[in-house]
Amino acid sequence: MTHTTVGWHVEMEFREDERHTEAVALVRLPDGSEVRARGHASRHRSDTNQPRVGEEVAGARALNELAMQLLTKAHDEIDEASGRTSHSINV
């Protein structure tokens, strides 16, 4: 049996001000396609300014959206290859 090792690199970028953080997650797949997703976080005015926490929340939301898009992409590719509607792919 032959095993193949494949690597994906996910890039994360953040834009933030004192109250809001936006994250963009991008993965380039071996077939040359890209999947991009966004996540947002807002700091309540009574919370202390902790930029790392905003990045973690916004980043997690972007990665979650990226995961959902990848599941949808995989599901669509299964349907296209099989010529039928496949069972839902669960998280």
PDB file of N, CA and C in Angstrom:
ATOM      1  N   MET A   1       0.843  -1.176   0.000  1.00  0.00           N
ATOM      2  CA  MET A   1       0.000   0.000   0.000  1.00  0.00           C
ATOM      3  C   MET A   1       0.893   1.245   0.000  1.00  0.00           C
ATOM      4  N   THR A   2       0.597   2.177  -0.874  1.00  0.00           N
ATOM      5  CA  THR A   2       1.359   3.413  -0.963  1.00  0.00           C
ATOM      6  C   THR A   2       0.657   4.506  -0.180  1.00  0.00           C
ATOM      7  N   HIS A   3       1.422   5.224   0.594  1.00  0.00           N
ATOM      8  CA  HIS A   3       0.880   6.347   1.361  1.00  0.00           C
ATOM      9  C   HIS A   3       1.415   7.643   0.772  1.00  0.00           C
ATOM     10  N   THR A   4       0.573   8.638   0.731  1.00  0.00           N
ATOM     11  CA  THR A   4       0.962   9.946   0.224  1.00  0.00           C
ATOM     12  C   THR A   4       0.787  10.966   1.339  1.00  0.00           C
ATOM     13  N   THR A   5       1.764  11.823   1.469  1.00  0.00           N
ATOM     14  CA  THR A   5       1.670  12.905   2.443  1.00  0.00           C
ATOM     15  C   THR A   5       1.351  14.192   1.690  1.00  0.00           C
ATOM     16  N   VAL A   6       0.318  14.866   2.135  1.00  0.00           N
ATOM     17  CA  VAL A   6      -0.103  16.127   1.533  1.00  0.00           C
ATOM     18  C   VAL A   6      -0.142  17.174   2.630  1.00  0.00           C
ATOM     19  N   GLY A   7       0.307  18.366   2.325  1.00  0.00           N
ATOM     20  CA  GLY A   7       0.265  19.443   3.314  1.00  0.00           C
ATOM     21  C   GLY A   7      -0.549  20.614   2.810  1.00  0.00           C
ATOM     22  N   TRP A   8      -1.288  21.225   3.697  1.00  0.00           N
ATOM     23  CA  TRP A   8      -2.018  22.449   3.401  1.00  0.00           C
ATOM     24  C   TRP A   8      -1.461  23.528   4.323  1.00  0.00           C
ATOM     25  N   HIS A   9      -1.362  24.724   3.784  1.00  0.00           N
ATOM     26  CA  HIS A   9      -0.949  25.856   4.592  1.00  0.00           C
ATOM     27  C   HIS A   9      -2.112  26.835   4.656  1.00  0.00           C
ATOM     28  N   VAL A  10      -2.520  27.157   5.856  1.00  0.00           N
ATOM     29  CA  VAL A  10      -3.604  28.114   6.055  1.00  0.00           C
ATOM     30  C   VAL A  10      -2.968  29.446   6.434  1.00  0.00           C
ATOM     31  N   GLU A  11      -3.374  30.488   5.735  1.00  0.00           N
ATOM     32  CA  GLU A  11      -2.904  31.829   6.054  1.00  0.00           C
ATOM     33  C   GLU A  11      -4.006  32.571   6.794  1.00  0.00           C
ATOM     34  N   MET A  12      -3.600  33.307   7.812  1.00  0.00           N
ATOM     35  CA  MET A  12      -4.543  34.118   8.584  1.00  0.00           C
ATOM     36  C   MET A  12      -4.049  35.556   8.572  1.00  0.00           C
ATOM     37  N   GLU A  13      -4.966  36.472   8.319  1.00  0.00           N
ATOM     38  CA  GLU A  13      -4.668  37.893   8.404  1.00  0.00           C
ATOM     39  C   GLU A  13      -5.722  38.545   9.285  1.00  0.00           C
ATOM     40  N   PHE A  14      -5.297  39.577  10.001  1.00  0.00           N
ATOM     41  CA  PHE A  14      -6.207  40.269  10.908  1.00  0.00           C
ATOM     42  C   PHE A  14      -6.166  41.774  10.648  1.00  0.00           C
ATOM     43  N   ARG A  15      -7.330  42.387  10.741  1.00  0.00           N
ATOM     44  CA  ARG A  15      -7.459  43.851  10.752  1.00  0.00           C
ATOM     45  C   ARG A  15      -8.208  44.183  12.026  1.00  0.00           C
ATOM     46  N   GLU A  16      -7.709  45.157  12.752  1.00  0.00           N
ATOM     47  CA  GLU A  16      -8.370  45.464  14.017  1.00  0.00           C
ATOM     48  C   GLU A  16      -8.261  46.934  14.372  1.00  0.00           C
ATOM     49  N   ASP A  17      -9.264  47.374  15.111  1.00  0.00           N
ATOM     50  CA  ASP A  17      -9.212  48.680  15.744  1.00  0.00           C
ATOM     51  C   ASP A  17      -9.451  48.428  17.225  1.00  0.00           C
ATOM     52  N   GLU A  18      -9.773  49.456  17.981  1.00  0.00           N
ATOM     53  CA  GLU A  18      -9.898  49.267  19.429  1.00  0.00           C
ATOM     54  C   GLU A  18     -11.097  48.418  19.843  1.00  0.00           C
ATOM     55  N   ARG A  19     -12.094  48.279  18.986  1.00  0.00           N
ATOM     56  CA  ARG A  19     -13.302  47.531  19.364  1.00  0.00           C
ATOM     57  C   ARG A  19     -13.605  46.330  18.473  1.00  0.00           C
ATOM     58  N   HIS A  20     -13.006  46.252  17.273  1.00  0.00           N
ATOM     59  CA  HIS A  20     -13.379  45.207  16.320  1.00  0.00           C
ATOM     60  C   HIS A  20     -12.149  44.506  15.749  1.00  0.00           C
ATOM     61  N   THR A  21     -12.312  43.230  15.500  1.00  0.00           N
ATOM     62  CA  THR A  21     -11.265  42.451  14.837  1.00  0.00           C
ATOM     63  C   THR A  21     -11.911  41.670  13.709  1.00  0.00           C
ATOM     64  N   GLU A  22     -11.283  41.701  12.551  1.00  0.00           N
ATOM     65  CA  GLU A  22     -11.720  40.900  11.419  1.00  0.00           C
ATOM     66  C   GLU A  22     -10.568  39.972  11.042  1.00  0.00           C
ATOM     67  N   ALA A  23     -10.881  38.711  10.855  1.00  0.00           N
ATOM     68  CA  ALA A  23      -9.887  37.722  10.432  1.00  0.00           C
ATOM     69  C   ALA A  23     -10.272  37.196   9.061  1.00  0.00           C
ATOM     70  N   VAL A  24      -9.268  36.942   8.246  1.00  0.00           N
ATOM     71  CA  VAL A  24      -9.461  36.295   6.960  1.00  0.00           C
ATOM     72  C   VAL A  24      -8.578  35.061   6.957  1.00  0.00           C
ATOM     73  N   ALA A  25      -9.183  33.907   6.676  1.00  0.00           N
ATOM     74  CA  ALA A  25      -8.452  32.639   6.578  1.00  0.00           C
ATOM     75  C   ALA A  25      -8.451  32.215   5.117  1.00  0.00           C
ATOM     76  N   LEU A  26      -7.306  31.750   4.650  1.00  0.00           N
ATOM     77  CA  LEU A  26      -7.161  31.326   3.263  1.00  0.00           C
ATOM     78  C   LEU A  26      -6.382  30.024   3.223  1.00  0.00           C
ATOM     79  N   VAL A  27      -6.891  29.067   2.465  1.00  0.00           N
ATOM     80  CA  VAL A  27      -6.151  27.830   2.221  1.00  0.00           C
ATOM     81  C   VAL A  27      -6.084  27.613   0.712  1.00  0.00           C
ATOM     82  N   ARG A  28      -4.892  27.300   0.236  1.00  0.00           N
ATOM     83  CA  ARG A  28      -4.689  26.943  -1.176  1.00  0.00           C
ATOM     84  C   ARG A  28      -4.584  25.428  -1.237  1.00  0.00           C
ATOM     85  N   LEU A  29      -5.462  24.839  -2.033  1.00  0.00           N
ATOM     86  CA  LEU A  29      -5.527  23.384  -2.128  1.00  0.00           C
ATOM     87  C   LEU A  29      -4.620  22.882  -3.256  1.00  0.00           C
ATOM     88  N   PRO A  30      -4.223  21.617  -3.176  1.00  0.00           N
ATOM     89  CA  PRO A  30      -3.320  21.064  -4.189  1.00  0.00           C
ATOM     90  C   PRO A  30      -3.846  21.153  -5.623  1.00  0.00           C
ATOM     91  N   ASP A  31      -5.170  21.247  -5.804  1.00  0.00           N
ATOM     92  CA  ASP A  31      -5.724  21.359  -7.164  1.00  0.00           C
ATOM     93  C   ASP A  31      -5.661  22.792  -7.695  1.00  0.00           C
ATOM     94  N   GLY A  32      -5.071  23.694  -6.927  1.00  0.00           N
ATOM     95  CA  GLY A  32      -4.932  25.077  -7.342  1.00  0.00           C
ATOM     96  C   GLY A  32      -6.058  25.986  -6.896  1.00  0.00           C
ATOM     97  N   SER A  33      -7.119  25.418  -6.349  1.00  0.00           N
ATOM     98  CA  SER A  33      -8.235  26.247  -5.884  1.00  0.00           C
ATOM     99  C   SER A  33      -7.907  26.858  -4.517  1.00  0.00           C
ATOM    100  N   GLU A  34      -8.605  27.920  -4.206  1.00  0.00           N
ATOM    101  CA  GLU A  34      -8.461  28.592  -2.918  1.00  0.00           C
ATOM    102  C   GLU A  34      -9.816  28.671  -2.243  1.00  0.00           C
ATOM    103  N   VAL A  35      -9.806  28.546  -0.943  1.00  0.00           N
ATOM    104  CA  VAL A  35     -11.013  28.733  -0.151  1.00  0.00           C
ATOM    105  C   VAL A  35     -10.673  29.819   0.863  1.00  0.00           C
ATOM    106  N   ARG A  36     -11.549  30.818   0.949  1.00  0.00           N
ATOM    107  CA  ARG A  36     -11.325  31.974   1.818  1.00  0.00           C
ATOM    108  C   ARG A  36     -12.557  32.179   2.689  1.00  0.00           C
ATOM    109  N   ALA A  37     -12.329  32.537   3.945  1.00  0.00           N
ATOM    110  CA  ALA A  37     -13.443  32.770   4.864  1.00  0.00           C
ATOM    111  C   ALA A  37     -13.088  33.916   5.813  1.00  0.00           C
ATOM    112  N   ARG A  38     -14.125  34.524   6.360  1.00  0.00           N
ATOM    113  CA  ARG A  38     -13.951  35.657   7.278  1.00  0.00           C
ATOM    114  C   ARG A  38     -14.595  35.359   8.629  1.00  0.00           C
ATOM    115  N   GLY A  39     -14.054  35.999   9.655  1.00  0.00           N
ATOM    116  CA  GLY A  39     -14.623  35.921  10.993  1.00  0.00           C
ATOM    117  C   GLY A  39     -14.485  37.271  11.659  1.00  0.00           C
ATOM    118  N   HIS A  40     -15.396  37.581  12.553  1.00  0.00           N
ATOM    119  CA  HIS A  40     -15.415  38.887  13.217  1.00  0.00           C
ATOM    120  C   HIS A  40     -15.511  38.706  14.728  1.00  0.00           C
ATOM    121  N   ALA A  41     -14.980  39.684  15.433  1.00  0.00           N
ATOM    122  CA  ALA A  41     -15.134  39.753  16.882  1.00  0.00           C
ATOM    123  C   ALA A  41     -15.292  41.215  17.257  1.00  0.00           C
ATOM    124  N   SER A  42     -16.105  41.474  18.265  1.00  0.00           N
ATOM    125  CA  SER A  42     -16.309  42.827  18.784  1.00  0.00           C
ATOM    126  C   SER A  42     -16.084  42.815  20.280  1.00  0.00           C
ATOM    127  N   ARG A  43     -15.373  43.817  20.768  1.00  0.00           N
ATOM    128  CA  ARG A  43     -15.113  43.937  22.206  1.00  0.00           C
ATOM    129  C   ARG A  43     -16.198  44.802  22.825  1.00  0.00           C
ATOM    130  N   HIS A  44     -16.787  44.294  23.884  1.00  0.00           N
ATOM    131  CA  HIS A  44     -17.760  45.094  24.632  1.00  0.00           C
ATOM    132  C   HIS A  44     -17.020  46.231  25.322  1.00  0.00           C
ATOM    133  N   ARG A  45     -17.645  47.388  25.389  1.00  0.00           N
ATOM    134  CA  ARG A  45     -16.964  48.568  25.945  1.00  0.00           C
ATOM    135  C   ARG A  45     -16.514  48.388  27.389  1.00  0.00           C
ATOM    136  N   SER A  46     -17.129  47.477  28.129  1.00  0.00           N
ATOM    137  CA  SER A  46     -16.708  47.269  29.516  1.00  0.00           C
ATOM    138  C   SER A  46     -15.532  46.282  29.634  1.00  0.00           C
ATOM    139  N   ASP A  47     -15.165  45.613  28.535  1.00  0.00           N
ATOM    140  CA  ASP A  47     -14.042  44.670  28.557  1.00  0.00           C
ATOM    141  C   ASP A  47     -12.722  45.417  28.358  1.00  0.00           C
ATOM    142  N   THR A  48     -11.667  44.870  28.937  1.00  0.00           N
ATOM    143  CA  THR A  48     -10.349  45.460  28.712  1.00  0.00           C
ATOM    144  C   THR A  48      -9.910  45.181  27.279  1.00  0.00           C
ATOM    145  N   ASN A  49      -9.041  46.030  26.760  1.00  0.00           N
ATOM    146  CA  ASN A  49      -8.554  45.888  25.390  1.00  0.00           C
ATOM    147  C   ASN A  49      -7.497  44.774  25.361  1.00  0.00           C
ATOM    148  N   GLN A  50      -7.868  43.629  24.812  1.00  0.00           N
ATOM    149  CA  GLN A  50      -6.963  42.488  24.691  1.00  0.00           C
ATOM    150  C   GLN A  50      -6.962  42.032  23.226  1.00  0.00           C
ATOM    151  N   PRO A  51      -6.132  42.631  22.393  1.00  0.00           N
ATOM    152  CA  PRO A  51      -6.151  42.321  20.966  1.00  0.00           C
ATOM    153  C   PRO A  51      -5.997  40.824  20.656  1.00  0.00           C
ATOM    154  N   ARG A  52      -5.172  40.118  21.419  1.00  0.00           N
ATOM    155  CA  ARG A  52      -4.978  38.691  21.172  1.00  0.00           C
ATOM    156  C   ARG A  52      -6.284  37.915  21.302  1.00  0.00           C
ATOM    157  N   VAL A  53      -7.125  38.289  22.260  1.00  0.00           N
ATOM    158  CA  VAL A  53      -8.407  37.611  22.442  1.00  0.00           C
ATOM    159  C   VAL A  53      -9.314  37.864  21.240  1.00  0.00           C
ATOM    160  N   GLY A  54      -9.329  39.093  20.759  1.00  0.00           N
ATOM    161  CA  GLY A  54     -10.116  39.401  19.559  1.00  0.00           C
ATOM    162  C   GLY A  54      -9.638  38.591  18.366  1.00  0.00           C
ATOM    163  N   GLU A  55      -8.316  38.453  18.236  1.00  0.00           N
ATOM    164  CA  GLU A  55      -7.764  37.651  17.148  1.00  0.00           C
ATOM    165  C   GLU A  55      -8.162  36.183  17.286  1.00  0.00           C
ATOM    166  N   GLU A  56      -8.122  35.677  18.509  1.00  0.00           N
ATOM    167  CA  GLU A  56      -8.490  34.274  18.728  1.00  0.00           C
ATOM    168  C   GLU A  56      -9.952  34.019  18.375  1.00  0.00           C
ATOM    169  N   VAL A  57     -10.832  34.908  18.801  1.00  0.00           N
ATOM    170  CA  VAL A  57     -12.262  34.739  18.516  1.00  0.00           C
ATOM    171  C   VAL A  57     -12.531  34.895  17.023  1.00  0.00           C
ATOM    172  N   ALA A  58     -12.040  35.975  16.432  1.00  0.00           N
ATOM    173  CA  ALA A  58     -12.260  36.201  15.002  1.00  0.00           C
ATOM    174  C   ALA A  58     -11.594  35.099  14.176  1.00  0.00           C
ATOM    175  N   GLY A  59     -10.395  34.683  14.573  1.00  0.00           N
ATOM    176  CA  GLY A  59      -9.692  33.622  13.866  1.00  0.00           C
ATOM    177  C   GLY A  59     -10.430  32.298  13.942  1.00  0.00           C
ATOM    178  N   ALA A  60     -10.939  31.962  15.122  1.00  0.00           N
ATOM    179  CA  ALA A  60     -11.706  30.725  15.277  1.00  0.00           C
ATOM    180  C   ALA A  60     -12.960  30.750  14.417  1.00  0.00           C
ATOM    181  N   ARG A  61     -13.621  31.887  14.355  1.00  0.00           N
ATOM    182  CA  ARG A  61     -14.830  32.001  13.532  1.00  0.00           C
ATOM    183  C   ARG A  61     -14.493  31.881  12.045  1.00  0.00           C
ATOM    184  N   ALA A  62     -13.373  32.459  11.622  1.00  0.00           N
ATOM    185  CA  ALA A  62     -12.956  32.339  10.220  1.00  0.00           C
ATOM    186  C   ALA A  62     -12.602  30.888   9.897  1.00  0.00           C
ATOM    187  N   LEU A  63     -11.887  30.225  10.792  1.00  0.00           N
ATOM    188  CA  LEU A  63     -11.517  28.832  10.555  1.00  0.00           C
ATOM    189  C   LEU A  63     -12.740  27.924  10.550  1.00  0.00           C
ATOM    190  N   ASN A  64     -13.722  28.220  11.401  1.00  0.00           N
ATOM    191  CA  ASN A  64     -14.962  27.448  11.405  1.00  0.00           C
ATOM    192  C   ASN A  64     -15.684  27.602  10.067  1.00  0.00           C
ATOM    193  N   GLU A  65     -15.758  28.825   9.567  1.00  0.00           N
ATOM    194  CA  GLU A  65     -16.394  29.067   8.271  1.00  0.00           C
ATOM    195  C   GLU A  65     -15.601  28.392   7.153  1.00  0.00           C
ATOM    196  N   LEU A  66     -14.275  28.414   7.257  1.00  0.00           N
ATOM    197  CA  LEU A  66     -13.433  27.741   6.270  1.00  0.00           C
ATOM    198  C   LEU A  66     -13.724  26.242   6.265  1.00  0.00           C
ATOM    199  N   ALA A  67     -13.849  25.662   7.438  1.00  0.00           N
ATOM    200  CA  ALA A  67     -14.167  24.236   7.550  1.00  0.00           C
ATOM    201  C   ALA A  67     -15.508  23.918   6.900  1.00  0.00           C
ATOM    202  N   MET A  68     -16.507  24.763   7.126  1.00  0.00           N
ATOM    203  CA  MET A  68     -17.826  24.516   6.540  1.00  0.00           C
ATOM    204  C   MET A  68     -17.760  24.618   5.013  1.00  0.00           C
ATOM    205  N   GLN A  69     -17.011  25.576   4.499  1.00  0.00           N
ATOM    206  CA  GLN A  69     -16.872  25.701   3.050  1.00  0.00           C
ATOM    207  C   GLN A  69     -16.150  24.487   2.457  1.00  0.00           C
ATOM    208  N   LEU A  70     -15.142  23.985   3.147  1.00  0.00           N
ATOM    209  CA  LEU A  70     -14.429  22.796   2.664  1.00  0.00           C
ATOM    210  C   LEU A  70     -15.346  21.573   2.665  1.00  0.00           C
ATOM    211  N   LEU A  71     -16.184  21.433   3.685  1.00  0.00           N
ATOM    212  CA  LEU A  71     -17.148  20.327   3.712  1.00  0.00           C
ATOM    213  C   LEU A  71     -18.134  20.426   2.556  1.00  0.00           C
ATOM    214  N   THR A  72     -18.616  21.626   2.285  1.00  0.00           N
ATOM    215  CA  THR A  72     -19.536  21.828   1.163  1.00  0.00           C
ATOM    216  C   THR A  72     -18.850  21.508  -0.159  1.00  0.00           C
ATOM    217  N   LYS A  73     -17.613  21.952  -0.318  1.00  0.00           N
ATOM    218  CA  LYS A  73     -16.844  21.688  -1.535  1.00  0.00           C
ATOM    219  C   LYS A  73     -16.671  20.179  -1.727  1.00  0.00           C
ATOM    220  N   ALA A  74     -16.297  19.484  -0.662  1.00  0.00           N
ATOM    221  CA  ALA A  74     -16.117  18.031  -0.747  1.00  0.00           C
ATOM    222  C   ALA A  74     -17.429  17.340  -1.102  1.00  0.00           C
ATOM    223  N   HIS A  75     -18.507  17.771  -0.481  1.00  0.00           N
ATOM    224  CA  HIS A  75     -19.830  17.199  -0.738  1.00  0.00           C
ATOM    225  C   HIS A  75     -20.212  17.385  -2.208  1.00  0.00           C
ATOM    226  N   ASP A  76     -20.001  18.584  -2.734  1.00  0.00           N
ATOM    227  CA  ASP A  76     -20.315  18.865  -4.137  1.00  0.00           C
ATOM    228  C   ASP A  76     -19.469  18.011  -5.076  1.00  0.00           C
ATOM    229  N   GLU A  77     -18.196  17.810  -4.730  1.00  0.00           N
ATOM    230  CA  GLU A  77     -17.316  16.992  -5.569  1.00  0.00           C
ATOM    231  C   GLU A  77     -17.734  15.521  -5.548  1.00  0.00           C
ATOM    232  N   ILE A  78     -18.186  15.032  -4.400  1.00  0.00           N
ATOM    233  CA  ILE A  78     -18.689  13.653  -4.308  1.00  0.00           C
ATOM    234  C   ILE A  78     -19.914  13.501  -5.202  1.00  0.00           C
ATOM    235  N   ASP A  79     -20.837  14.467  -5.106  1.00  0.00           N
ATOM    236  CA  ASP A  79     -22.050  14.415  -5.932  1.00  0.00           C
ATOM    237  C   ASP A  79     -21.719  14.455  -7.416  1.00  0.00           C
ATOM    238  N   GLU A  80     -20.786  15.327  -7.791  1.00  0.00           N
ATOM    239  CA  GLU A  80     -20.424  15.461  -9.199  1.00  0.00           C
ATOM    240  C   GLU A  80     -19.790  14.171  -9.730  1.00  0.00           C
ATOM    241  N   ALA A  81     -18.922  13.564  -8.950  1.00  0.00           N
ATOM    242  CA  ALA A  81     -18.234  12.351  -9.385  1.00  0.00           C
ATOM    243  C   ALA A  81     -19.175  11.153  -9.448  1.00  0.00           C
ATOM    244  N   SER A  82     -20.154  11.114  -8.537  1.00  0.00           N
ATOM    245  CA  SER A  82     -21.043   9.952  -8.459  1.00  0.00           C
ATOM    246  C   SER A  82     -22.298  10.118  -9.322  1.00  0.00           C
ATOM    247  N   GLY A  83     -22.621  11.375  -9.670  1.00  0.00           N
ATOM    248  CA  GLY A  83     -23.828  11.617 -10.437  1.00  0.00           C
ATOM    249  C   GLY A  83     -25.108  11.493  -9.636  1.00  0.00           C
ATOM    250  N   ARG A  84     -24.983  11.554  -8.338  1.00  0.00           N
ATOM    251  CA  ARG A  84     -26.168  11.466  -7.477  1.00  0.00           C
ATOM    252  C   ARG A  84     -25.958  12.346  -6.253  1.00  0.00           C
ATOM    253  N   THR A  85     -27.005  12.544  -5.495  1.00  0.00           N
ATOM    254  CA  THR A  85     -26.914  13.312  -4.260  1.00  0.00           C
ATOM    255  C   THR A  85     -26.463  12.378  -3.153  1.00  0.00           C
ATOM    256  N   SER A  86     -25.361  12.742  -2.524  1.00  0.00           N
ATOM    257  CA  SER A  86     -24.807  11.900  -1.462  1.00  0.00           C
ATOM    258  C   SER A  86     -25.386  12.307  -0.104  1.00  0.00           C
ATOM    259  N   HIS A  87     -25.056  11.505   0.888  1.00  0.00           N
ATOM    260  CA  HIS A  87     -25.479  11.812   2.257  1.00  0.00           C
ATOM    261  C   HIS A  87     -24.726  13.034   2.751  1.00  0.00           C
ATOM    262  N   SER A  88     -25.326  13.783   3.633  1.00  0.00           N
ATOM    263  CA  SER A  88     -24.685  14.963   4.209  1.00  0.00           C
ATOM    264  C   SER A  88     -23.399  14.566   4.909  1.00  0.00           C
ATOM    265  N   ILE A  89     -22.413  15.468   4.837  1.00  0.00           N
ATOM    266  CA  ILE A  89     -21.162  15.271   5.559  1.00  0.00           C
ATOM    267  C   ILE A  89     -21.301  16.040   6.856  1.00  0.00           C
ATOM    268  N   ASN A  90     -21.171  15.341   7.967  1.00  0.00           N
ATOM    269  CA  ASN A  90     -21.340  15.982   9.282  1.00  0.00           C
ATOM    270  C   ASN A  90     -20.003  16.467   9.811  1.00  0.00           C
ATOM    271  N   VAL A  91     -20.070  17.486  10.620  1.00  0.00           N
ATOM    272  CA  VAL A  91     -18.861  18.024  11.259  1.00  0.00           C
ATOM    273  C   VAL A  91     -18.498  17.142  12.429  1.00  0.00           C
TER     274      VAL A  91
END
